[in-house]
Amino acid sequence: MARNGKTEKISVTLPRELAGEIRALVPQGEVSSFFTEALYHFIAIHRQKNALKKGFGAWKKDAHPDLLTPADSVAYVHSLRKPDKERLLRVGERRGK
């Protein structure tokens, strides 16, 4: 599962119990793919958490008084999606659906 067609072999030390769980779960010959997929997923989550921490507090209530409640946010998202829904309805009507 190499993303760029390039791979590098590394050595990793795991707790024995965890290594046993991985061996029981993952078919032989697919351990590298398992770790690659798991690490890409973990890194994505880690980056997202860091971005959320970094951006925390950037949204100021006084800058967006129209979005103070969850209902306000839902209404805003619906307003963003409305043109797409209308466009899709028109396309469906033209196709006879």
PDB file of N, CA and C in Angstrom:
ATOM      1  N   MET A   1       0.821  -1.178   0.000  1.00  0.00           N
ATOM      2  CA  MET A   1       0.000   0.000   0.000  1.00  0.00           C
ATOM      3  C   MET A   1       0.872   1.251   0.000  1.00  0.00           C
ATOM      4  N   ALA A   2       1.956   1.230  -0.727  1.00  0.00           N
ATOM      5  CA  ALA A   2       2.838   2.388  -0.798  1.00  0.00           C
ATOM      6  C   ALA A   2       2.170   3.479  -1.624  1.00  0.00           C
ATOM      7  N   ARG A   3       2.095   4.665  -1.065  1.00  0.00           N
ATOM      8  CA  ARG A   3       1.385   5.761  -1.718  1.00  0.00           C
ATOM      9  C   ARG A   3       2.158   6.315  -2.904  1.00  0.00           C
ATOM     10  N   ASN A   4       3.480   6.366  -2.817  1.00  0.00           N
ATOM     11  CA  ASN A   4       4.281   6.930  -3.896  1.00  0.00           C
ATOM     12  C   ASN A   4       5.074   5.860  -4.640  1.00  0.00           C
ATOM     13  N   GLY A   5       4.781   4.605  -4.370  1.00  0.00           N
ATOM     14  CA  GLY A   5       5.539   3.546  -5.001  1.00  0.00           C
ATOM     15  C   GLY A   5       6.891   3.327  -4.353  1.00  0.00           C
ATOM     16  N   LYS A   6       7.175   4.059  -3.293  1.00  0.00           N
ATOM     17  CA  LYS A   6       8.449   3.924  -2.590  1.00  0.00           C
ATOM     18  C   LYS A   6       8.168   3.408  -1.193  1.00  0.00           C
ATOM     19  N   THR A   7       8.990   2.512  -0.745  1.00  0.00           N
ATOM     20  CA  THR A   7       8.826   1.988   0.606  1.00  0.00           C
ATOM     21  C   THR A   7      10.158   2.034   1.334  1.00  0.00           C
ATOM     22  N   GLU A   8      10.081   1.932   2.632  1.00  0.00           N
ATOM     23  CA  GLU A   8      11.273   1.866   3.468  1.00  0.00           C
ATOM     24  C   GLU A   8      10.971   0.919   4.607  1.00  0.00           C
ATOM     25  N   LYS A   9      11.888   0.059   4.883  1.00  0.00           N
ATOM     26  CA  LYS A   9      11.704  -0.908   5.955  1.00  0.00           C
ATOM     27  C   LYS A   9      12.204  -0.306   7.253  1.00  0.00           C
ATOM     28  N   ILE A  10      11.377  -0.394   8.304  1.00  0.00           N
ATOM     29  CA  ILE A  10      11.780   0.084   9.619  1.00  0.00           C
ATOM     30  C   ILE A  10      11.490  -1.008  10.642  1.00  0.00           C
ATOM     31  N   SER A  11      12.145  -0.900  11.768  1.00  0.00           N
ATOM     32  CA  SER A  11      11.943  -1.852  12.852  1.00  0.00           C
ATOM     33  C   SER A  11      11.131  -1.162  13.933  1.00  0.00           C
ATOM     34  N   VAL A  12      10.112  -1.837  14.420  1.00  0.00           N
ATOM     35  CA  VAL A  12       9.247  -1.287  15.455  1.00  0.00           C
ATOM     36  C   VAL A  12       9.124  -2.317  16.563  1.00  0.00           C
ATOM     37  N   THR A  13       9.213  -1.861  17.798  1.00  0.00           N
ATOM     38  CA  THR A  13       9.058  -2.745  18.940  1.00  0.00           C
ATOM     39  C   THR A  13       7.676  -2.518  19.535  1.00  0.00           C
ATOM     40  N   LEU A  14       6.948  -3.618  19.704  1.00  0.00           N
ATOM     41  CA  LEU A  14       5.578  -3.558  20.224  1.00  0.00           C
ATOM     42  C   LEU A  14       5.464  -4.396  21.485  1.00  0.00           C
ATOM     43  N   PRO A  15       4.512  -4.052  22.329  1.00  0.00           N
ATOM     44  CA  PRO A  15       4.223  -4.946  23.447  1.00  0.00           C
ATOM     45  C   PRO A  15       3.803  -6.322  22.905  1.00  0.00           C
ATOM     46  N   ARG A  16       4.248  -7.383  23.558  1.00  0.00           N
ATOM     47  CA  ARG A  16       3.986  -8.749  23.098  1.00  0.00           C
ATOM     48  C   ARG A  16       2.496  -8.999  22.889  1.00  0.00           C
ATOM     49  N   GLU A  17       1.677  -8.509  23.833  1.00  0.00           N
ATOM     50  CA  GLU A  17       0.231  -8.722  23.733  1.00  0.00           C
ATOM     51  C   GLU A  17      -0.339  -8.082  22.463  1.00  0.00           C
ATOM     52  N   LEU A  18       0.111  -6.872  22.147  1.00  0.00           N
ATOM     53  CA  LEU A  18      -0.366  -6.182  20.951  1.00  0.00           C
ATOM     54  C   LEU A  18       0.092  -6.902  19.692  1.00  0.00           C
ATOM     55  N   ALA A  19       1.330  -7.352  19.682  1.00  0.00           N
ATOM     56  CA  ALA A  19       1.842  -8.093  18.520  1.00  0.00           C
ATOM     57  C   ALA A  19       1.019  -9.363  18.297  1.00  0.00           C
ATOM     58  N   GLY A  20       0.663 -10.031  19.379  1.00  0.00           N
ATOM     59  CA  GLY A  20      -0.161 -11.235  19.256  1.00  0.00           C
ATOM     60  C   GLY A  20      -1.542 -10.930  18.700  1.00  0.00           C
ATOM     61  N   GLU A  21      -2.132  -9.821  19.152  1.00  0.00           N
ATOM     62  CA  GLU A  21      -3.449  -9.433  18.622  1.00  0.00           C
ATOM     63  C   GLU A  21      -3.367  -9.136  17.133  1.00  0.00           C
ATOM     64  N   ILE A  22      -2.312  -8.471  16.720  1.00  0.00           N
ATOM     65  CA  ILE A  22      -2.147  -8.151  15.293  1.00  0.00           C
ATOM     66  C   ILE A  22      -1.981  -9.431  14.484  1.00  0.00           C
ATOM     67  N   ARG A  23      -1.145 -10.357  14.974  1.00  0.00           N
ATOM     68  CA  ARG A  23      -0.951 -11.623  14.252  1.00  0.00           C
ATOM     69  C   ARG A  23      -2.255 -12.412  14.139  1.00  0.00           C
ATOM     70  N   ALA A  24      -3.075 -12.349  15.185  1.00  0.00           N
ATOM     71  CA  ALA A  24      -4.348 -13.076  15.166  1.00  0.00           C
ATOM     72  C   ALA A  24      -5.362 -12.415  14.237  1.00  0.00           C
ATOM     73  N   LEU A  25      -5.243 -11.131  14.062  1.00  0.00           N
ATOM     74  CA  LEU A  25      -6.211 -10.365  13.293  1.00  0.00           C
ATOM     75  C   LEU A  25      -5.864 -10.267  11.810  1.00  0.00           C
ATOM     76  N   VAL A  26      -4.573 -10.102  11.520  1.00  0.00           N
ATOM     77  CA  VAL A  26      -4.137  -9.786  10.159  1.00  0.00           C
ATOM     78  C   VAL A  26      -3.535 -11.021   9.494  1.00  0.00           C
ATOM     79  N   PRO A  27      -3.992 -11.344   8.267  1.00  0.00           N
ATOM     80  CA  PRO A  27      -3.423 -12.493   7.559  1.00  0.00           C
ATOM     81  C   PRO A  27      -1.916 -12.300   7.312  1.00  0.00           C
ATOM     82  N   GLN A  28      -1.199 -13.419   7.324  1.00  0.00           N
ATOM     83  CA  GLN A  28       0.237 -13.379   7.077  1.00  0.00           C
ATOM     84  C   GLN A  28       0.485 -12.751   5.703  1.00  0.00           C
ATOM     85  N   GLY A  29       1.463 -11.892   5.611  1.00  0.00           N
ATOM     86  CA  GLY A  29       1.785 -11.226   4.359  1.00  0.00           C
ATOM     87  C   GLY A  29       1.060  -9.898   4.182  1.00  0.00           C
ATOM     88  N   GLU A  30       0.153  -9.562   5.104  1.00  0.00           N
ATOM     89  CA  GLU A  30      -0.594  -8.311   4.985  1.00  0.00           C
ATOM     90  C   GLU A  30      -0.338  -7.366   6.159  1.00  0.00           C
ATOM     91  N   VAL A  31       0.658  -7.692   6.954  1.00  0.00           N
ATOM     92  CA  VAL A  31       0.940  -6.889   8.148  1.00  0.00           C
ATOM     93  C   VAL A  31       1.405  -5.486   7.757  1.00  0.00           C
ATOM     94  N   SER A  32       2.269  -5.372   6.768  1.00  0.00           N
ATOM     95  CA  SER A  32       2.745  -4.049   6.353  1.00  0.00           C
ATOM     96  C   SER A  32       1.590  -3.186   5.855  1.00  0.00           C
ATOM     97  N   SER A  33       0.714  -3.767   5.072  1.00  0.00           N
ATOM     98  CA  SER A  33      -0.445  -3.011   4.585  1.00  0.00           C
ATOM     99  C   SER A  33      -1.341  -2.595   5.734  1.00  0.00           C
ATOM    100  N   PHE A  34      -1.503  -3.485   6.713  1.00  0.00           N
ATOM    101  CA  PHE A  34      -2.313  -3.172   7.883  1.00  0.00           C
ATOM    102  C   PHE A  34      -1.730  -1.976   8.633  1.00  0.00           C
ATOM    103  N   PHE A  35      -0.423  -2.025   8.893  1.00  0.00           N
ATOM    104  CA  PHE A  35       0.222  -0.927   9.607  1.00  0.00           C
ATOM    105  C   PHE A  35       0.167   0.365   8.800  1.00  0.00           C
ATOM    106  N   THR A  36       0.385   0.275   7.501  1.00  0.00           N
ATOM    107  CA  THR A  36       0.355   1.470   6.659  1.00  0.00           C
ATOM    108  C   THR A  36      -1.009   2.135   6.728  1.00  0.00           C
ATOM    109  N   GLU A  37      -2.055   1.354   6.553  1.00  0.00           N
ATOM    110  CA  GLU A  37      -3.411   1.908   6.608  1.00  0.00           C
ATOM    111  C   GLU A  37      -3.718   2.484   7.992  1.00  0.00           C
ATOM    112  N   ALA A  38      -3.350   1.750   9.031  1.00  0.00           N
ATOM    113  CA  ALA A  38      -3.614   2.210  10.398  1.00  0.00           C
ATOM    114  C   ALA A  38      -2.861   3.505  10.688  1.00  0.00           C
ATOM    115  N   LEU A  39      -1.621   3.594  10.235  1.00  0.00           N
ATOM    116  CA  LEU A  39      -0.831   4.795  10.512  1.00  0.00           C
ATOM    117  C   LEU A  39      -1.316   5.993   9.712  1.00  0.00           C
ATOM    118  N   TYR A  40      -1.714   5.797   8.462  1.00  0.00           N
ATOM    119  CA  TYR A  40      -2.298   6.913   7.706  1.00  0.00           C
ATOM    120  C   TYR A  40      -3.549   7.432   8.420  1.00  0.00           C
ATOM    121  N   HIS A  41      -4.367   6.520   8.913  1.00  0.00           N
ATOM    122  CA  HIS A  41      -5.579   6.905   9.640  1.00  0.00           C
ATOM    123  C   HIS A  41      -5.214   7.648  10.932  1.00  0.00           C
ATOM    124  N   PHE A  42      -4.286   7.111  11.681  1.00  0.00           N
ATOM    125  CA  PHE A  42      -3.870   7.742  12.935  1.00  0.00           C
ATOM    126  C   PHE A  42      -3.294   9.127  12.692  1.00  0.00           C
ATOM    127  N   ILE A  43      -2.462   9.260  11.676  1.00  0.00           N
ATOM    128  CA  ILE A  43      -1.850  10.556  11.367  1.00  0.00           C
ATOM    129  C   ILE A  43      -2.911  11.575  10.969  1.00  0.00           C
ATOM    130  N   ALA A  44      -3.905  11.154  10.180  1.00  0.00           N
ATOM    131  CA  ALA A  44      -4.986  12.066   9.793  1.00  0.00           C
ATOM    132  C   ALA A  44      -5.748  12.562  11.013  1.00  0.00           C
ATOM    133  N   ILE A  45      -6.052  11.662  11.931  1.00  0.00           N
ATOM    134  CA  ILE A  45      -6.753  12.049  13.161  1.00  0.00           C
ATOM    135  C   ILE A  45      -5.874  12.983  13.993  1.00  0.00           C
ATOM    136  N   HIS A  46      -4.600  12.661  14.111  1.00  0.00           N
ATOM    137  CA  HIS A  46      -3.671  13.484  14.886  1.00  0.00           C
ATOM    138  C   HIS A  46      -3.578  14.891  14.292  1.00  0.00           C
ATOM    139  N   ARG A  47      -3.473  14.994  12.978  1.00  0.00           N
ATOM    140  CA  ARG A  47      -3.413  16.308  12.321  1.00  0.00           C
ATOM    141  C   ARG A  47      -4.698  17.094  12.552  1.00  0.00           C
ATOM    142  N   GLN A  48      -5.834  16.399  12.481  1.00  0.00           N
ATOM    143  CA  GLN A  48      -7.110  17.071  12.700  1.00  0.00           C
ATOM    144  C   GLN A  48      -7.201  17.604  14.132  1.00  0.00           C
ATOM    145  N   LYS A  49      -6.795  16.799  15.101  1.00  0.00           N
ATOM    146  CA  LYS A  49      -6.810  17.244  16.495  1.00  0.00           C
ATOM    147  C   LYS A  49      -5.902  18.456  16.683  1.00  0.00           C
ATOM    148  N   ASN A  50      -4.728  18.433  16.076  1.00  0.00           N
ATOM    149  CA  ASN A  50      -3.811  19.571  16.192  1.00  0.00           C
ATOM    150  C   ASN A  50      -4.403  20.823  15.554  1.00  0.00           C
ATOM    151  N   ALA A  51      -5.052  20.664  14.411  1.00  0.00           N
ATOM    152  CA  ALA A  51      -5.675  21.811  13.749  1.00  0.00           C
ATOM    153  C   ALA A  51      -6.797  22.380  14.606  1.00  0.00           C
ATOM    154  N   LEU A  52      -7.576  21.509  15.233  1.00  0.00           N
ATOM    155  CA  LEU A  52      -8.649  21.978  16.108  1.00  0.00           C
ATOM    156  C   LEU A  52      -8.088  22.723  17.314  1.00  0.00           C
ATOM    157  N   LYS A  53      -7.012  22.198  17.900  1.00  0.00           N
ATOM    158  CA  LYS A  53      -6.384  22.882  19.037  1.00  0.00           C
ATOM    159  C   LYS A  53      -5.844  24.247  18.608  1.00  0.00           C
ATOM    160  N   LYS A  54      -5.198  24.277  17.451  1.00  0.00           N
ATOM    161  CA  LYS A  54      -4.592  25.509  16.956  1.00  0.00           C
ATOM    162  C   LYS A  54      -5.667  26.553  16.636  1.00  0.00           C
ATOM    163  N   GLY A  55      -6.786  26.115  16.101  1.00  0.00           N
ATOM    164  CA  GLY A  55      -7.837  27.037  15.700  1.00  0.00           C
ATOM    165  C   GLY A  55      -8.831  27.375  16.796  1.00  0.00           C
ATOM    166  N   PHE A  56      -8.715  26.706  17.936  1.00  0.00           N
ATOM    167  CA  PHE A  56      -9.667  26.937  19.017  1.00  0.00           C
ATOM    168  C   PHE A  56      -9.642  28.402  19.433  1.00  0.00           C
ATOM    169  N   GLY A  57     -10.816  28.987  19.515  1.00  0.00           N
ATOM    170  CA  GLY A  57     -10.937  30.378  19.919  1.00  0.00           C
ATOM    171  C   GLY A  57     -10.885  31.364  18.768  1.00  0.00           C
ATOM    172  N   ALA A  58     -10.635  30.880  17.557  1.00  0.00           N
ATOM    173  CA  ALA A  58     -10.564  31.775  16.410  1.00  0.00           C
ATOM    174  C   ALA A  58     -11.942  32.299  16.017  1.00  0.00           C
ATOM    175  N   TRP A  59     -12.977  31.542  16.320  1.00  0.00           N
ATOM    176  CA  TRP A  59     -14.349  31.929  15.988  1.00  0.00           C
ATOM    177  C   TRP A  59     -14.869  32.827  17.097  1.00  0.00           C
ATOM    178  N   LYS A  60     -15.138  34.055  16.768  1.00  0.00           N
ATOM    179  CA  LYS A  60     -15.635  35.014  17.750  1.00  0.00           C
ATOM    180  C   LYS A  60     -17.133  35.229  17.551  1.00  0.00           C
ATOM    181  N   LYS A  61     -17.893  35.125  18.641  1.00  0.00           N
ATOM    182  CA  LYS A  61     -19.347  35.267  18.583  1.00  0.00           C
ATOM    183  C   LYS A  61     -19.769  36.616  18.006  1.00  0.00           C
ATOM    184  N   ASP A  62     -19.066  37.669  18.370  1.00  0.00           N
ATOM    185  CA  ASP A  62     -19.468  38.991  17.893  1.00  0.00           C
ATOM    186  C   ASP A  62     -19.228  39.172  16.399  1.00  0.00           C
ATOM    187  N   ALA A  63     -18.361  38.362  15.811  1.00  0.00           N
ATOM    188  CA  ALA A  63     -18.115  38.431  14.365  1.00  0.00           C
ATOM    189  C   ALA A  63     -19.201  37.694  13.577  1.00  0.00           C
ATOM    190  N   HIS A  64     -19.933  36.789  14.226  1.00  0.00           N
ATOM    191  CA  HIS A  64     -20.957  35.983  13.561  1.00  0.00           C
ATOM    192  C   HIS A  64     -22.203  35.870  14.438  1.00  0.00           C
ATOM    193  N   PRO A  65     -22.873  36.983  14.698  1.00  0.00           N
ATOM    194  CA  PRO A  65     -24.049  36.928  15.570  1.00  0.00           C
ATOM    195  C   PRO A  65     -25.203  36.128  14.976  1.00  0.00           C
ATOM    196  N   ASP A  66     -25.144  35.898  13.666  1.00  0.00           N
ATOM    197  CA  ASP A  66     -26.192  35.120  13.002  1.00  0.00           C
ATOM    198  C   ASP A  66     -26.014  33.617  13.192  1.00  0.00           C
ATOM    199  N   LEU A  67     -24.930  33.194  13.812  1.00  0.00           N
ATOM    200  CA  LEU A  67     -24.651  31.756  13.977  1.00  0.00           C
ATOM    201  C   LEU A  67     -24.386  31.397  15.439  1.00  0.00           C
ATOM    202  N   LEU A  68     -25.190  31.918  16.339  1.00  0.00           N
ATOM    203  CA  LEU A  68     -24.946  31.687  17.764  1.00  0.00           C
ATOM    204  C   LEU A  68     -25.503  30.367  18.272  1.00  0.00           C
ATOM    205  N   THR A  69     -26.558  29.850  17.642  1.00  0.00           N
ATOM    206  CA  THR A  69     -27.197  28.632  18.138  1.00  0.00           C
ATOM    207  C   THR A  69     -27.027  27.502  17.134  1.00  0.00           C
ATOM    208  N   PRO A  70     -27.206  26.267  17.574  1.00  0.00           N
ATOM    209  CA  PRO A  70     -27.174  25.150  16.621  1.00  0.00           C
ATOM    210  C   PRO A  70     -28.215  25.327  15.504  1.00  0.00           C
ATOM    211  N   ALA A  71     -29.389  25.844  15.849  1.00  0.00           N
ATOM    212  CA  ALA A  71     -30.425  26.058  14.828  1.00  0.00           C
ATOM    213  C   ALA A  71     -29.946  27.068  13.783  1.00  0.00           C
ATOM    214  N   ASP A  72     -29.231  28.103  14.219  1.00  0.00           N
ATOM    215  CA  ASP A  72     -28.673  29.074  13.275  1.00  0.00           C
ATOM    216  C   ASP A  72     -27.698  28.391  12.322  1.00  0.00           C
ATOM    217  N   SER A  73     -26.862  27.524  12.863  1.00  0.00           N
ATOM    218  CA  SER A  73     -25.878  26.815  12.038  1.00  0.00           C
ATOM    219  C   SER A  73     -26.556  25.896  11.035  1.00  0.00           C
ATOM    220  N   VAL A  74     -27.602  25.197  11.475  1.00  0.00           N
ATOM    221  CA  VAL A  74     -28.349  24.310  10.575  1.00  0.00           C
ATOM    222  C   VAL A  74     -28.979  25.119   9.443  1.00  0.00           C
ATOM    223  N   ALA A  75     -29.576  26.245   9.778  1.00  0.00           N
ATOM    224  CA  ALA A  75     -30.194  27.101   8.766  1.00  0.00           C
ATOM    225  C   ALA A  75     -29.148  27.594   7.766  1.00  0.00           C
ATOM    226  N   TYR A  76     -27.961  27.932   8.260  1.00  0.00           N
ATOM    227  CA  TYR A  76     -26.888  28.388   7.384  1.00  0.00           C
ATOM    228  C   TYR A  76     -26.464  27.282   6.410  1.00  0.00           C
ATOM    229  N   VAL A  77     -26.278  26.091   6.926  1.00  0.00           N
ATOM    230  CA  VAL A  77     -25.887  24.968   6.060  1.00  0.00           C
ATOM    231  C   VAL A  77     -26.970  24.687   5.027  1.00  0.00           C
ATOM    232  N   HIS A  78     -28.240  24.730   5.444  1.00  0.00           N
ATOM    233  CA  HIS A  78     -29.345  24.528   4.492  1.00  0.00           C
ATOM    234  C   HIS A  78     -29.324  25.595   3.401  1.00  0.00           C
ATOM    235  N   SER A  79     -29.020  26.825   3.772  1.00  0.00           N
ATOM    236  CA  SER A  79     -28.973  27.891   2.765  1.00  0.00           C
ATOM    237  C   SER A  79     -27.841  27.657   1.766  1.00  0.00           C
ATOM    238  N   LEU A  80     -26.739  27.085   2.231  1.00  0.00           N
ATOM    239  CA  LEU A  80     -25.642  26.763   1.322  1.00  0.00           C
ATOM    240  C   LEU A  80     -26.003  25.638   0.368  1.00  0.00           C
ATOM    241  N   ARG A  81     -26.772  24.681   0.861  1.00  0.00           N
ATOM    242  CA  ARG A  81     -27.121  23.504   0.061  1.00  0.00           C
ATOM    243  C   ARG A  81     -28.318  23.735  -0.859  1.00  0.00           C
ATOM    244  N   LYS A  82     -29.143  24.729  -0.567  1.00  0.00           N
ATOM    245  CA  LYS A  82     -30.376  24.956  -1.310  1.00  0.00           C
ATOM    246  C   LYS A  82     -30.143  25.109  -2.814  1.00  0.00           C
ATOM    247  N   PRO A  83     -29.179  25.925  -3.259  1.00  0.00           N
ATOM    248  CA  PRO A  83     -28.969  26.044  -4.712  1.00  0.00           C
ATOM    249  C   PRO A  83     -28.640  24.705  -5.380  1.00  0.00           C
ATOM    250  N   ASP A  84     -27.872  23.875  -4.710  1.00  0.00           N
ATOM    251  CA  ASP A  84     -27.540  22.562  -5.278  1.00  0.00           C
ATOM    252  C   ASP A  84     -28.773  21.682  -5.375  1.00  0.00           C
ATOM    253  N   LYS A  85     -29.607  21.688  -4.323  1.00  0.00           N
ATOM    254  CA  LYS A  85     -30.829  20.883  -4.356  1.00  0.00           C
ATOM    255  C   LYS A  85     -31.742  21.338  -5.493  1.00  0.00           C
ATOM    256  N   GLU A  86     -31.873  22.655  -5.643  1.00  0.00           N
ATOM    257  CA  GLU A  86     -32.721  23.181  -6.713  1.00  0.00           C
ATOM    258  C   GLU A  86     -32.165  22.811  -8.079  1.00  0.00           C
ATOM    259  N   ARG A  87     -30.848  22.899  -8.238  1.00  0.00           N
ATOM    260  CA  ARG A  87     -30.216  22.536  -9.503  1.00  0.00           C
ATOM    261  C   ARG A  87     -30.435  21.058  -9.817  1.00  0.00           C
ATOM    262  N   LEU A  88     -30.276  20.213  -8.825  1.00  0.00           N
ATOM    263  CA  LEU A  88     -30.475  18.780  -9.034  1.00  0.00           C
ATOM    264  C   LEU A  88     -31.926  18.464  -9.387  1.00  0.00           C
ATOM    265  N   LEU A  89     -32.863  19.174  -8.771  1.00  0.00           N
ATOM    266  CA  LEU A  89     -34.276  18.986  -9.126  1.00  0.00           C
ATOM    267  C   LEU A  89     -34.526  19.363 -10.576  1.00  0.00           C
ATOM    268  N   ARG A  90     -33.949  20.474 -11.025  1.00  0.00           N
ATOM    269  CA  ARG A  90     -34.115  20.900 -12.423  1.00  0.00           C
ATOM    270  C   ARG A  90     -33.507  19.874 -13.375  1.00  0.00           C
ATOM    271  N   VAL A  91     -32.338  19.359 -13.042  1.00  0.00           N
ATOM    272  CA  VAL A  91     -31.692  18.357 -13.886  1.00  0.00           C
ATOM    273  C   VAL A  91     -32.565  17.110 -13.949  1.00  0.00           C
ATOM    274  N   GLY A  92     -33.105  16.697 -12.803  1.00  0.00           N
ATOM    275  CA  GLY A  92     -33.966  15.523 -12.782  1.00  0.00           C
ATOM    276  C   GLY A  92     -35.223  15.729 -13.603  1.00  0.00           C
ATOM    277  N   GLU A  93     -35.803  16.919 -13.551  1.00  0.00           N
ATOM    278  CA  GLU A  93     -37.002  17.219 -14.344  1.00  0.00           C
ATOM    279  C   GLU A  93     -36.713  17.167 -15.832  1.00  0.00           C
ATOM    280  N   ARG A  94     -35.536  17.666 -16.230  1.00  0.00           N
ATOM    281  CA  ARG A  94     -35.167  17.640 -17.652  1.00  0.00           C
ATOM    282  C   ARG A  94     -34.948  16.211 -18.138  1.00  0.00           C
ATOM    283  N   ARG A  95     -34.552  15.345 -17.242  1.00  0.00           N
ATOM    284  CA  ARG A  95     -34.315  13.940 -17.614  1.00  0.00           C
ATOM    285  C   ARG A  95     -35.584  13.116 -17.492  1.00  0.00           C
ATOM    286  N   GLY A  96     -36.664  13.755 -17.065  1.00  0.00           N
ATOM    287  CA  GLY A  96     -37.933  13.039 -16.971  1.00  0.00           C
ATOM    288  C   GLY A  96     -38.101  12.236 -15.700  1.00  0.00           C
ATOM    289  N   LYS A  97     -37.407  12.601 -14.672  1.00  0.00           N
ATOM    290  CA  LYS A  97     -37.497  11.856 -13.408  1.00  0.00           C
ATOM    291  C   LYS A  97     -38.478  12.489 -12.487  1.00  0.00           C
TER     292      LYS A  97
END
